[in-house]
C-alpha atoms as a PDB file:
ATOM      1  CA  UNK A   1     -14.647  -3.141  15.470  1.00  0.00           C
ATOM      2  CA  UNK A   2     -12.278  -1.020  13.773  1.00  0.00           C
ATOM      3  CA  UNK A   3     -13.918   2.185  12.227  1.00  0.00           C
ATOM      4  CA  UNK A   4     -13.100   5.130   9.945  1.00  0.00           C
ATOM      5  CA  UNK A   5     -14.886   8.022   9.893  1.00  0.00           C
ATOM      6  CA  UNK A   6     -17.893   6.224  10.918  1.00  0.00           C
ATOM      7  CA  UNK A   7     -17.808   3.228   8.827  1.00  0.00           C
ATOM      8  CA  UNK A   8     -16.314  -0.099   9.082  1.00  0.00           C
ATOM      9  CA  UNK A   9     -12.705  -0.260   7.687  1.00  0.00           C
ATOM     10  CA  UNK A  10     -13.319  -2.292   3.859  1.00  0.00           C
ATOM     11  CA  UNK A  11     -10.143  -4.280   1.753  1.00  0.00           C
ATOM     12  CA  UNK A  12      -9.859  -5.655  -1.672  1.00  0.00           C
ATOM     13  CA  UNK A  13      -7.440  -9.095  -1.798  1.00  0.00           C
ATOM     14  CA  UNK A  14      -7.458 -11.664  -3.949  1.00  0.00           C
ATOM     15  CA  UNK A  15      -6.119 -15.299  -2.850  1.00  0.00           C
ATOM     16  CA  UNK A  16      -3.394 -16.496  -3.705  1.00  0.00           C
ATOM     17  CA  UNK A  17      -4.539 -19.563  -5.440  1.00  0.00           C
ATOM     18  CA  UNK A  18      -2.062 -18.933  -8.671  1.00  0.00           C
ATOM     19  CA  UNK A  19       0.466 -16.678  -6.841  1.00  0.00           C
ATOM     20  CA  UNK A  20       4.145 -17.974  -7.291  1.00  0.00           C
ATOM     21  CA  UNK A  21       7.537 -16.469  -8.530  1.00  0.00           C
ATOM     22  CA  UNK A  22       7.557 -17.203 -11.989  1.00  0.00           C
ATOM     23  CA  UNK A  23       9.367 -13.703 -13.448  1.00  0.00           C
ATOM     24  CA  UNK A  24      11.438 -11.411 -12.517  1.00  0.00           C
ATOM     25  CA  UNK A  25      10.676  -7.239 -11.880  1.00  0.00           C
ATOM     26  CA  UNK A  26      12.277  -5.981  -9.043  1.00  0.00           C
ATOM     27  CA  UNK A  27      15.499  -7.280  -7.035  1.00  0.00           C
ATOM     28  CA  UNK A  28      12.799  -9.686  -4.544  1.00  0.00           C
ATOM     29  CA  UNK A  29      12.390 -12.468  -7.489  1.00  0.00           C
ATOM     30  CA  UNK A  30      14.143 -15.224  -8.088  1.00  0.00           C
ATOM     31  CA  UNK A  31      12.155 -17.842  -9.920  1.00  0.00           C
ATOM     32  CA  UNK A  32      14.646 -20.477  -9.765  1.00  0.00           C
ATOM     33  CA  UNK A  33      14.726 -20.363  -5.926  1.00  0.00           C
ATOM     34  CA  UNK A  34      11.066 -20.563  -5.641  1.00  0.00           C
ATOM     35  CA  UNK A  35      10.833 -23.691  -8.222  1.00  0.00           C
ATOM     36  CA  UNK A  36      13.087 -25.438  -5.689  1.00  0.00           C
ATOM     37  CA  UNK A  37      10.986 -24.753  -3.080  1.00  0.00           C
ATOM     38  CA  UNK A  38       8.443 -27.531  -2.293  1.00  0.00           C
ATOM     39  CA  UNK A  39       6.432 -26.149   0.254  1.00  0.00           C
ATOM     40  CA  UNK A  40       6.102 -22.445  -1.855  1.00  0.00           C
ATOM     41  CA  UNK A  41       2.591 -22.217  -2.590  1.00  0.00           C
ATOM     42  CA  UNK A  42       1.633 -23.566   0.136  1.00  0.00           C
ATOM     43  CA  UNK A  43       3.111 -21.092   2.732  1.00  0.00           C
ATOM     44  CA  UNK A  44       1.701 -18.661   0.627  1.00  0.00           C
ATOM     45  CA  UNK A  45      -2.006 -20.020   1.233  1.00  0.00           C
ATOM     46  CA  UNK A  46      -1.092 -20.048   5.163  1.00  0.00           C
ATOM     47  CA  UNK A  47       0.644 -16.568   5.283  1.00  0.00           C
ATOM     48  CA  UNK A  48      -2.245 -14.787   2.777  1.00  0.00           C
ATOM     49  CA  UNK A  49      -5.062 -17.227   5.160  1.00  0.00           C
ATOM     50  CA  UNK A  50      -3.843 -15.746   8.746  1.00  0.00           C
ATOM     51  CA  UNK A  51      -3.663 -11.898   7.398  1.00  0.00           C
ATOM     52  CA  UNK A  52      -7.109 -12.022   6.026  1.00  0.00           C
ATOM     53  CA  UNK A  53      -8.293 -13.681   9.322  1.00  0.00           C
ATOM     54  CA  UNK A  54      -6.757 -11.037  11.097  1.00  0.00           C
ATOM     55  CA  UNK A  55      -8.471  -7.777   9.104  1.00  0.00           C
ATOM     56  CA  UNK A  56     -12.235  -9.781   9.985  1.00  0.00           C
ATOM     57  CA  UNK A  57     -10.816 -10.559  13.585  1.00  0.00           C
ATOM     58  CA  UNK A  58     -10.263  -6.529  13.997  1.00  0.00           C
ATOM     59  CA  UNK A  59     -13.446  -5.771  12.640  1.00  0.00           C
ATOM     60  CA  UNK A  60     -12.540  -5.216   9.079  1.00  0.00           C
ATOM     61  CA  UNK A  61     -14.843  -6.051   5.458  1.00  0.00           C
ATOM     62  CA  UNK A  62     -12.984  -7.660   2.996  1.00  0.00           C
ATOM     63  CA  UNK A  63     -13.670  -8.123  -0.567  1.00  0.00           C
ATOM     64  CA  UNK A  64     -12.269 -10.383  -3.121  1.00  0.00           C
ATOM     65  CA  UNK A  65     -10.684 -10.545  -6.586  1.00  0.00           C
ATOM     66  CA  UNK A  66     -11.579 -13.520  -8.136  1.00  0.00           C
ATOM     67  CA  UNK A  67      -8.026 -15.057  -8.990  1.00  0.00           C
ATOM     68  CA  UNK A  68      -7.119 -15.855 -12.570  1.00  0.00           C
ATOM     69  CA  UNK A  69      -4.405 -18.188 -13.584  1.00  0.00           C
ATOM     70  CA  UNK A  70      -1.366 -16.953 -15.070  1.00  0.00           C
ATOM     71  CA  UNK A  71      -1.451 -13.549 -12.823  1.00  0.00           C
ATOM     72  CA  UNK A  72       0.365 -14.254 -10.004  1.00  0.00           C
ATOM     73  CA  UNK A  73       0.802 -10.922  -8.637  1.00  0.00           C
ATOM     74  CA  UNK A  74      -2.958  -9.962  -8.903  1.00  0.00           C
ATOM     75  CA  UNK A  75      -2.704 -10.615  -5.200  1.00  0.00           C
ATOM     76  CA  UNK A  76      -1.475  -7.439  -4.304  1.00  0.00           C
ATOM     77  CA  UNK A  77      -4.717  -5.297  -4.915  1.00  0.00           C
ATOM     78  CA  UNK A  78      -2.588  -2.128  -3.367  1.00  0.00           C
ATOM     79  CA  UNK A  79      -1.633  -1.509  -7.104  1.00  0.00           C
ATOM     80  CA  UNK A  80      -4.763  -1.921  -8.633  1.00  0.00           C
ATOM     81  CA  UNK A  81      -5.911   1.482  -8.456  1.00  0.00           C
ATOM     82  CA  UNK A  82      -6.321   5.038  -5.739  1.00  0.00           C
ATOM     83  CA  UNK A  83      -9.104   5.030  -4.336  1.00  0.00           C
ATOM     84  CA  UNK A  84     -10.487   8.102  -1.749  1.00  0.00           C
ATOM     85  CA  UNK A  85     -13.591   9.783  -1.622  1.00  0.00           C
ATOM     86  CA  UNK A  86     -15.770   6.075  -3.225  1.00  0.00           C
ATOM     87  CA  UNK A  87     -13.425   7.287  -6.369  1.00  0.00           C
ATOM     88  CA  UNK A  88     -10.884   4.581  -8.146  1.00  0.00           C
ATOM     89  CA  UNK A  89      -8.673   6.213 -10.606  1.00  0.00           C
ATOM     90  CA  UNK A  90      -7.232   2.819 -11.776  1.00  0.00           C
ATOM     91  CA  UNK A  91      -3.586   1.172 -12.822  1.00  0.00           C
ATOM     92  CA  UNK A  92      -1.704   0.986 -15.629  1.00  0.00           C
ATOM     93  CA  UNK A  93       0.867  -0.950 -14.816  1.00  0.00           C
ATOM     94  CA  UNK A  94       4.891  -0.671 -16.517  1.00  0.00           C
ATOM     95  CA  UNK A  95       5.927  -4.201 -16.911  1.00  0.00           C
ATOM     96  CA  UNK A  96       3.618  -6.566 -19.619  1.00  0.00           C
ATOM     97  CA  UNK A  97       4.287  -9.088 -16.961  1.00  0.00           C
ATOM     98  CA  UNK A  98       0.831  -7.285 -15.037  1.00  0.00           C
ATOM     99  CA  UNK A  99      -0.264  -5.144 -17.436  1.00  0.00           C
ATOM    100  CA  UNK A 100      -2.941  -8.507 -18.087  1.00  0.00           C
ATOM    101  CA  UNK A 101      -4.088  -7.884 -14.505  1.00  0.00           C
ATOM    102  CA  UNK A 102      -5.297  -4.315 -15.439  1.00  0.00           C
ATOM    103  CA  UNK A 103      -8.589  -5.882 -17.338  1.00  0.00           C
ATOM    104  CA  UNK A 104      -9.472  -7.610 -14.208  1.00  0.00           C
ATOM    105  CA  UNK A 105      -9.179  -5.699 -11.460  1.00  0.00           C
ATOM    106  CA  UNK A 106     -11.179  -2.869 -13.644  1.00  0.00           C
ATOM    107  CA  UNK A 107     -14.262  -5.545 -13.932  1.00  0.00           C
ATOM    108  CA  UNK A 108     -13.656  -5.876  -9.577  1.00  0.00           C
ATOM    109  CA  UNK A 109     -14.691  -2.510  -9.878  1.00  0.00           C
ATOM    110  CA  UNK A 110     -16.984  -2.007 -11.719  1.00  0.00           C
ATOM    111  CA  UNK A 111     -18.843  -5.135 -10.078  1.00  0.00           C
ATOM    112  CA  UNK A 112     -18.186  -2.735  -6.827  1.00  0.00           C
ATOM    113  CA  UNK A 113     -19.464   0.198  -8.351  1.00  0.00           C
ATOM    114  CA  UNK A 114     -22.779  -1.491  -9.904  1.00  0.00           C
ATOM    115  CA  UNK A 115     -22.521  -3.177  -5.510  1.00  0.00           C
ATOM    116  CA  UNK A 116     -22.577   0.799  -4.683  1.00  0.00           C
ATOM    117  CA  UNK A 117     -19.415   0.129  -3.236  1.00  0.00           C
ATOM    118  CA  UNK A 118     -17.552   3.008  -5.331  1.00  0.00           C
ATOM    119  CA  UNK A 119     -19.187   5.700  -6.691  1.00  0.00           C
ATOM    120  CA  UNK A 120     -17.419   6.037  -9.964  1.00  0.00           C
ATOM    121  CA  UNK A 121     -14.404   4.407 -11.714  1.00  0.00           C
ATOM    122  CA  UNK A 122     -11.620   6.822 -14.368  1.00  0.00           C
ATOM    123  CA  UNK A 123      -9.030   5.185 -16.215  1.00  0.00           C
ATOM    124  CA  UNK A 124      -5.576   7.456 -16.352  1.00  0.00           C
ATOM    125  CA  UNK A 125      -4.683   9.084 -19.278  1.00  0.00           C
ATOM    126  CA  UNK A 126      -3.091   6.452 -22.287  1.00  0.00           C
ATOM    127  CA  UNK A 127       0.327   7.934 -22.032  1.00  0.00           C
ATOM    128  CA  UNK A 128       1.000   7.619 -18.260  1.00  0.00           C
ATOM    129  CA  UNK A 129       2.018   4.719 -15.510  1.00  0.00           C
ATOM    130  CA  UNK A 130       1.214   4.770 -11.962  1.00  0.00           C
ATOM    131  CA  UNK A 131       0.582   1.192 -10.321  1.00  0.00           C
ATOM    132  CA  UNK A 132      -2.171   2.185  -7.894  1.00  0.00           C
ATOM    133  CA  UNK A 133      -1.980   2.459  -3.723  1.00  0.00           C
ATOM    134  CA  UNK A 134       1.370   1.286  -4.323  1.00  0.00           C
ATOM    135  CA  UNK A 135       2.760   4.280  -5.872  1.00  0.00           C
ATOM    136  CA  UNK A 136       0.286   6.983  -3.906  1.00  0.00           C
ATOM    137  CA  UNK A 137      -0.023   6.704  -0.423  1.00  0.00           C
ATOM    138  CA  UNK A 138      -3.034   8.402   0.940  1.00  0.00           C
ATOM    139  CA  UNK A 139      -2.123  10.995   4.561  1.00  0.00           C
ATOM    140  CA  UNK A 140      -5.484  11.474   5.882  1.00  0.00           C
ATOM    141  CA  UNK A 141      -3.567  13.605   8.563  1.00  0.00           C
ATOM    142  CA  UNK A 142      -2.069  15.996   6.089  1.00  0.00           C
ATOM    143  CA  UNK A 143      -4.814  15.459   3.234  1.00  0.00           C
ATOM    144  CA  UNK A 144      -2.365  14.349   0.706  1.00  0.00           C
ATOM    145  CA  UNK A 145      -0.892  11.557  -1.158  1.00  0.00           C
ATOM    146  CA  UNK A 146       2.382  11.070  -1.100  1.00  0.00           C
ATOM    147  CA  UNK A 147       3.205   9.615  -4.295  1.00  0.00           C
ATOM    148  CA  UNK A 148       6.486   7.541  -5.261  1.00  0.00           C
ATOM    149  CA  UNK A 149       7.993   7.656  -8.577  1.00  0.00           C
ATOM    150  CA  UNK A 150      10.913   6.357 -10.765  1.00  0.00           C
ATOM    151  CA  UNK A 151      11.134   2.556 -10.844  1.00  0.00           C
ATOM    152  CA  UNK A 152       7.650   1.940 -11.319  1.00  0.00           C
ATOM    153  CA  UNK A 153       5.792   4.984 -11.975  1.00  0.00           C
ATOM    154  CA  UNK A 154       5.710   8.154 -13.318  1.00  0.00           C
ATOM    155  CA  UNK A 155       5.960  11.420 -12.114  1.00  0.00           C
ATOM    156  CA  UNK A 156       3.580  13.195 -14.252  1.00  0.00           C
ATOM    157  CA  UNK A 157       0.910  10.991 -13.010  1.00  0.00           C
ATOM    158  CA  UNK A 158       0.492  13.308  -9.972  1.00  0.00           C
ATOM    159  CA  UNK A 159      -1.096  15.524 -12.406  1.00  0.00           C
ATOM    160  CA  UNK A 160      -3.861  13.397 -12.913  1.00  0.00           C
ATOM    161  CA  UNK A 161      -4.585  12.414  -8.825  1.00  0.00           C
ATOM    162  CA  UNK A 162      -4.491  15.600  -8.353  1.00  0.00           C
ATOM    163  CA  UNK A 163      -7.421  16.891 -11.115  1.00  0.00           C
ATOM    164  CA  UNK A 164      -9.506  13.087  -9.956  1.00  0.00           C
ATOM    165  CA  UNK A 165      -9.101  13.535  -6.121  1.00  0.00           C
ATOM    166  CA  UNK A 166      -8.631  17.040  -5.402  1.00  0.00           C
ATOM    167  CA  UNK A 167      -5.562  16.226  -3.350  1.00  0.00           C
ATOM    168  CA  UNK A 168      -2.380  17.490  -2.754  1.00  0.00           C
ATOM    169  CA  UNK A 169      -0.382  14.805  -3.923  1.00  0.00           C
ATOM    170  CA  UNK A 170       3.695  15.338  -3.082  1.00  0.00           C
ATOM    171  CA  UNK A 171       5.303  13.309  -5.934  1.00  0.00           C
ATOM    172  CA  UNK A 172       8.691  11.610  -4.117  1.00  0.00           C
ATOM    173  CA  UNK A 173      11.234  10.081  -6.410  1.00  0.00           C
ATOM    174  CA  UNK A 174      12.624   6.479  -4.985  1.00  0.00           C
ATOM    175  CA  UNK A 175      16.381   6.263  -4.918  1.00  0.00           C
ATOM    176  CA  UNK A 176      16.439   2.057  -3.784  1.00  0.00           C
ATOM    177  CA  UNK A 177      15.546  -0.797  -6.507  1.00  0.00           C
ATOM    178  CA  UNK A 178      14.597  -2.646  -3.579  1.00  0.00           C
ATOM    179  CA  UNK A 179      12.618  -0.173  -2.829  1.00  0.00           C
ATOM    180  CA  UNK A 180      10.596   0.231  -6.344  1.00  0.00           C
ATOM    181  CA  UNK A 181       6.746   1.320  -4.329  1.00  0.00           C
ATOM    182  CA  UNK A 182       6.200   4.336  -2.338  1.00  0.00           C
ATOM    183  CA  UNK A 183       4.360   1.782   0.113  1.00  0.00           C
ATOM    184  CA  UNK A 184       7.451   0.012   0.372  1.00  0.00           C
ATOM    185  CA  UNK A 185       9.431   2.953   2.290  1.00  0.00           C
ATOM    186  CA  UNK A 186       6.245   4.986   3.794  1.00  0.00           C
ATOM    187  CA  UNK A 187       3.809   4.670   5.546  1.00  0.00           C
ATOM    188  CA  UNK A 188       1.722   7.291   7.383  1.00  0.00           C
ATOM    189  CA  UNK A 189       0.198   6.841  10.139  1.00  0.00           C
ATOM    190  CA  UNK A 190      -3.553   6.924  12.496  1.00  0.00           C
ATOM    191  CA  UNK A 191      -1.433   9.270  14.809  1.00  0.00           C
ATOM    192  CA  UNK A 192      -0.239  11.676  12.696  1.00  0.00           C
ATOM    193  CA  UNK A 193       3.332  10.051  12.602  1.00  0.00           C
ATOM    194  CA  UNK A 194       5.241   9.367   9.281  1.00  0.00           C
ATOM    195  CA  UNK A 195       6.950   5.837   9.329  1.00  0.00           C
ATOM    196  CA  UNK A 196       9.550   5.970   6.530  1.00  0.00           C
ATOM    197  CA  UNK A 197      13.110   4.572   5.391  1.00  0.00           C
ATOM    198  CA  UNK A 198      15.534   7.553   4.887  1.00  0.00           C
ATOM    199  CA  UNK A 199      18.022   5.715   2.428  1.00  0.00           C
ATOM    200  CA  UNK A 200      14.803   4.780   0.150  1.00  0.00           C
ATOM    201  CA  UNK A 201      14.611   8.473  -0.841  1.00  0.00           C
ATOM    202  CA  UNK A 202      17.177  10.791  -3.100  1.00  0.00           C
ATOM    203  CA  UNK A 203      18.541  13.733  -1.256  1.00  0.00           C
ATOM    204  CA  UNK A 204      15.626  16.062  -2.649  1.00  0.00           C
ATOM    205  CA  UNK A 205      12.634  13.647  -1.421  1.00  0.00           C
ATOM    206  CA  UNK A 206      13.917  13.838   2.328  1.00  0.00           C
ATOM    207  CA  UNK A 207      13.942  17.244   1.822  1.00  0.00           C
ATOM    208  CA  UNK A 208      10.402  17.152   0.969  1.00  0.00           C
ATOM    209  CA  UNK A 209       9.545  14.479   3.665  1.00  0.00           C
ATOM    210  CA  UNK A 210      11.255  16.441   6.938  1.00  0.00           C
ATOM    211  CA  UNK A 211       9.153  19.690   4.858  1.00  0.00           C
ATOM    212  CA  UNK A 212       5.660  18.530   5.430  1.00  0.00           C
ATOM    213  CA  UNK A 213       6.785  16.230   8.416  1.00  0.00           C
ATOM    214  CA  UNK A 214       7.720  17.594  11.703  1.00  0.00           C
ATOM    215  CA  UNK A 215      10.200  15.993  13.763  1.00  0.00           C
ATOM    216  CA  UNK A 216       8.520  14.706  16.769  1.00  0.00           C
ATOM    217  CA  UNK A 217       6.163  12.742  14.156  1.00  0.00           C
ATOM    218  CA  UNK A 218       8.956  11.322  12.023  1.00  0.00           C
ATOM    219  CA  UNK A 219       9.894   7.763  12.384  1.00  0.00           C
ATOM    220  CA  UNK A 220      12.703   6.367  10.559  1.00  0.00           C
ATOM    221  CA  UNK A 221      13.550   3.047   9.871  1.00  0.00           C
ATOM    222  CA  UNK A 222      16.835   1.497   9.912  1.00  0.00           C
ATOM    223  CA  UNK A 223      17.843  -0.649   6.965  1.00  0.00           C
ATOM    224  CA  UNK A 224      16.920  -4.037   8.591  1.00  0.00           C
ATOM    225  CA  UNK A 225      13.228  -3.301   9.137  1.00  0.00           C
ATOM    226  CA  UNK A 226      12.816  -1.928   6.008  1.00  0.00           C
ATOM    227  CA  UNK A 227      14.038  -5.392   4.541  1.00  0.00           C
ATOM    228  CA  UNK A 228      10.868  -6.802   6.299  1.00  0.00           C
ATOM    229  CA  UNK A 229       9.656  -3.959   4.726  1.00  0.00           C
ATOM    230  CA  UNK A 230       8.417  -2.937   8.220  1.00  0.00           C
ATOM    231  CA  UNK A 231       6.622   0.594   6.499  1.00  0.00           C
ATOM    232  CA  UNK A 232       4.196  -1.992   4.170  1.00  0.00           C
ATOM    233  CA  UNK A 233       1.945  -1.944   6.911  1.00  0.00           C
ATOM    234  CA  UNK A 234      -1.876  -1.995   7.227  1.00  0.00           C
ATOM    235  CA  UNK A 235      -3.005   0.609  10.253  1.00  0.00           C
ATOM    236  CA  UNK A 236      -6.298  -0.722  11.566  1.00  0.00           C
ATOM    237  CA  UNK A 237      -7.042   1.962  14.715  1.00  0.00           C
ATOM    238  CA  UNK A 238      -4.157   1.915  16.677  1.00  0.00           C
ATOM    239  CA  UNK A 239      -3.094  -1.978  15.374  1.00  0.00           C
ATOM    240  CA  UNK A 240      -0.079  -2.342  12.951  1.00  0.00           C
ATOM    241  CA  UNK A 241      -0.369  -5.141  10.531  1.00  0.00           C
ATOM    242  CA  UNK A 242       3.154  -6.003   9.812  1.00  0.00           C
ATOM    243  CA  UNK A 243       5.251  -8.732   8.064  1.00  0.00           C
ATOM    244  CA  UNK A 244       8.037  -8.534  11.105  1.00  0.00           C
ATOM    245  CA  UNK A 245       9.325  -5.555  13.596  1.00  0.00           C
ATOM    246  CA  UNK A 246      13.079  -5.265  15.360  1.00  0.00           C
ATOM    247  CA  UNK A 247      12.535  -4.670  18.868  1.00  0.00           C
ATOM    248  CA  UNK A 248      13.711  -0.931  18.880  1.00  0.00           C
ATOM    249  CA  UNK A 249      11.141  -0.119  16.548  1.00  0.00           C
ATOM    250  CA  UNK A 250       8.322  -1.611  18.246  1.00  0.00           C
ATOM    251  CA  UNK A 251       9.414  -0.321  21.373  1.00  0.00           C
ATOM    252  CA  UNK A 252       9.135   3.153  19.842  1.00  0.00           C
ATOM    253  CA  UNK A 253       6.123   2.650  18.422  1.00  0.00           C
ATOM    254  CA  UNK A 254       4.569   1.467  21.857  1.00  0.00           C
ATOM    255  CA  UNK A 255       5.275   4.519  22.771  1.00  0.00           C
ATOM    256  CA  UNK A 256       3.293   6.176  20.771  1.00  0.00           C
ATOM    257  CA  UNK A 257       0.456   4.186  21.460  1.00  0.00           C
ATOM    258  CA  UNK A 258       0.891   1.539  18.516  1.00  0.00           C
ATOM    259  CA  UNK A 259      -0.152  -2.278  18.975  1.00  0.00           C
ATOM    260  CA  UNK A 260       2.174  -3.856  16.649  1.00  0.00           C
ATOM    261  CA  UNK A 261       0.874  -7.422  15.163  1.00  0.00           C
ATOM    262  CA  UNK A 262       3.236  -9.279  13.661  1.00  0.00           C
ATOM    263  CA  UNK A 263       2.374 -11.669  10.966  1.00  0.00           C
ATOM    264  CA  UNK A 264       4.802 -13.326   8.534  1.00  0.00           C
ATOM    265  CA  UNK A 265       4.450 -12.867   4.953  1.00  0.00           C
ATOM    266  CA  UNK A 266       8.078 -13.749   4.441  1.00  0.00           C
ATOM    267  CA  UNK A 267       6.353 -16.000   1.037  1.00  0.00           C
ATOM    268  CA  UNK A 268       4.945 -12.939  -0.861  1.00  0.00           C
ATOM    269  CA  UNK A 269       8.499 -10.978   0.654  1.00  0.00           C
ATOM    270  CA  UNK A 270       9.998 -13.091  -2.470  1.00  0.00           C
ATOM    271  CA  UNK A 271       7.952 -11.199  -4.490  1.00  0.00           C
ATOM    272  CA  UNK A 272       8.695  -7.349  -3.048  1.00  0.00           C
ATOM    273  CA  UNK A 273       5.350  -7.499  -1.060  1.00  0.00           C
ATOM    274  CA  UNK A 274       4.143  -7.514   2.057  1.00  0.00           C
ATOM    275  CA  UNK A 275       0.457  -6.390   4.437  1.00  0.00           C
ATOM    276  CA  UNK A 276      -0.166  -3.356   2.598  1.00  0.00           C
ATOM    277  CA  UNK A 277       0.662  -4.648  -0.735  1.00  0.00           C
ATOM    278  CA  UNK A 278      -1.859  -7.563  -0.078  1.00  0.00           C
ATOM    279  CA  UNK A 279      -4.897  -5.024   0.777  1.00  0.00           C
ATOM    280  CA  UNK A 280      -6.304  -2.505  -0.756  1.00  0.00           C
ATOM    281  CA  UNK A 281      -8.391  -0.344   1.526  1.00  0.00           C
ATOM    282  CA  UNK A 282     -11.702   0.771  -0.305  1.00  0.00           C
ATOM    283  CA  UNK A 283     -13.328   3.454   2.208  1.00  0.00           C
ATOM    284  CA  UNK A 284     -10.916   5.971   2.273  1.00  0.00           C
ATOM    285  CA  UNK A 285     -12.304   9.666   3.225  1.00  0.00           C
ATOM    286  CA  UNK A 286     -10.885  13.221   2.980  1.00  0.00           C
ATOM    287  CA  UNK A 287     -11.501  15.382   5.412  1.00  0.00           C
ATOM    288  CA  UNK A 288     -11.864  19.099   4.480  1.00  0.00           C
ATOM    289  CA  UNK A 289      -8.846  20.980   6.111  1.00  0.00           C
ATOM    290  CA  UNK A 290     -11.451  23.531   7.576  1.00  0.00           C
ATOM    291  CA  UNK A 291     -12.930  20.546   9.941  1.00  0.00           C
ATOM    292  CA  UNK A 292      -9.833  19.519  11.125  1.00  0.00           C
ATOM    293  CA  UNK A 293      -8.790  20.871  14.399  1.00  0.00           C
ATOM    294  CA  UNK A 294      -5.968  22.781  14.369  1.00  0.00           C
ATOM    295  CA  UNK A 295      -3.369  20.936  16.285  1.00  0.00           C
ATOM    296  CA  UNK A 296      -4.617  18.269  13.954  1.00  0.00           C
ATOM    297  CA  UNK A 297      -3.744  20.818  11.097  1.00  0.00           C
ATOM    298  CA  UNK A 298      -0.612  21.433  11.750  1.00  0.00           C
ATOM    299  CA  UNK A 299       2.392  18.936   9.674  1.00  0.00           C
END
């Protein structure tokens, strides 16, 4: 069974009962093309079920948010909140099409709190936009959040995250509209490496990554794998679940001890999401730097 800090990995997901591409809020979304595909929804159901099944097979527990008619992107639970140490900071969405999700995600987290799976739930200040773990990715090896801003989240939301969780936040501007959330462009891996797409960031953003991640721990993604959303991966132990992975990237990851498990998620790529977007890790715990072995604490 896959475990982190002694506890079973636990995710939040939402069945794609109402998933569709019926509006456009990023360059991936083409409602007309979706409408012409008679098998589109059935394919999404199959793909989601396959991902769900793989997580269960790897030993993870999955909590489910009830699907809601008219909220096709509720399936992307990574955007629901930032979660760490039993605390949840609820998302606030930029686009009106997704703002109706907020009350349903809040209800889901209140229910998790009532069951003792979440200790506290907090809302962002009213003037801030931050789209959950989609734009605020936890790096356990460095005890920090990588936060994306520009397309969908506010740079100033970093202060709210720091206040809530007491952890450092590295805010990076996203430069390519195709990679509109941090989780589409960067993934910290369990061994301390960081998988990232350089062209998704500004020169200043790339410099900030290089400052904090040693050269031997940086794994650059080519644009071909970037467009497969290879960075939008779920890590469980040494297994990386992703929608697609080219041979070169697969070989590099294998050489570093990772088992790449691909599962087709092309239906969700049509909305700009993949494996990480479809899940939200609920059991992440920070580790005080004083308790980290010296070699593990070096970035």
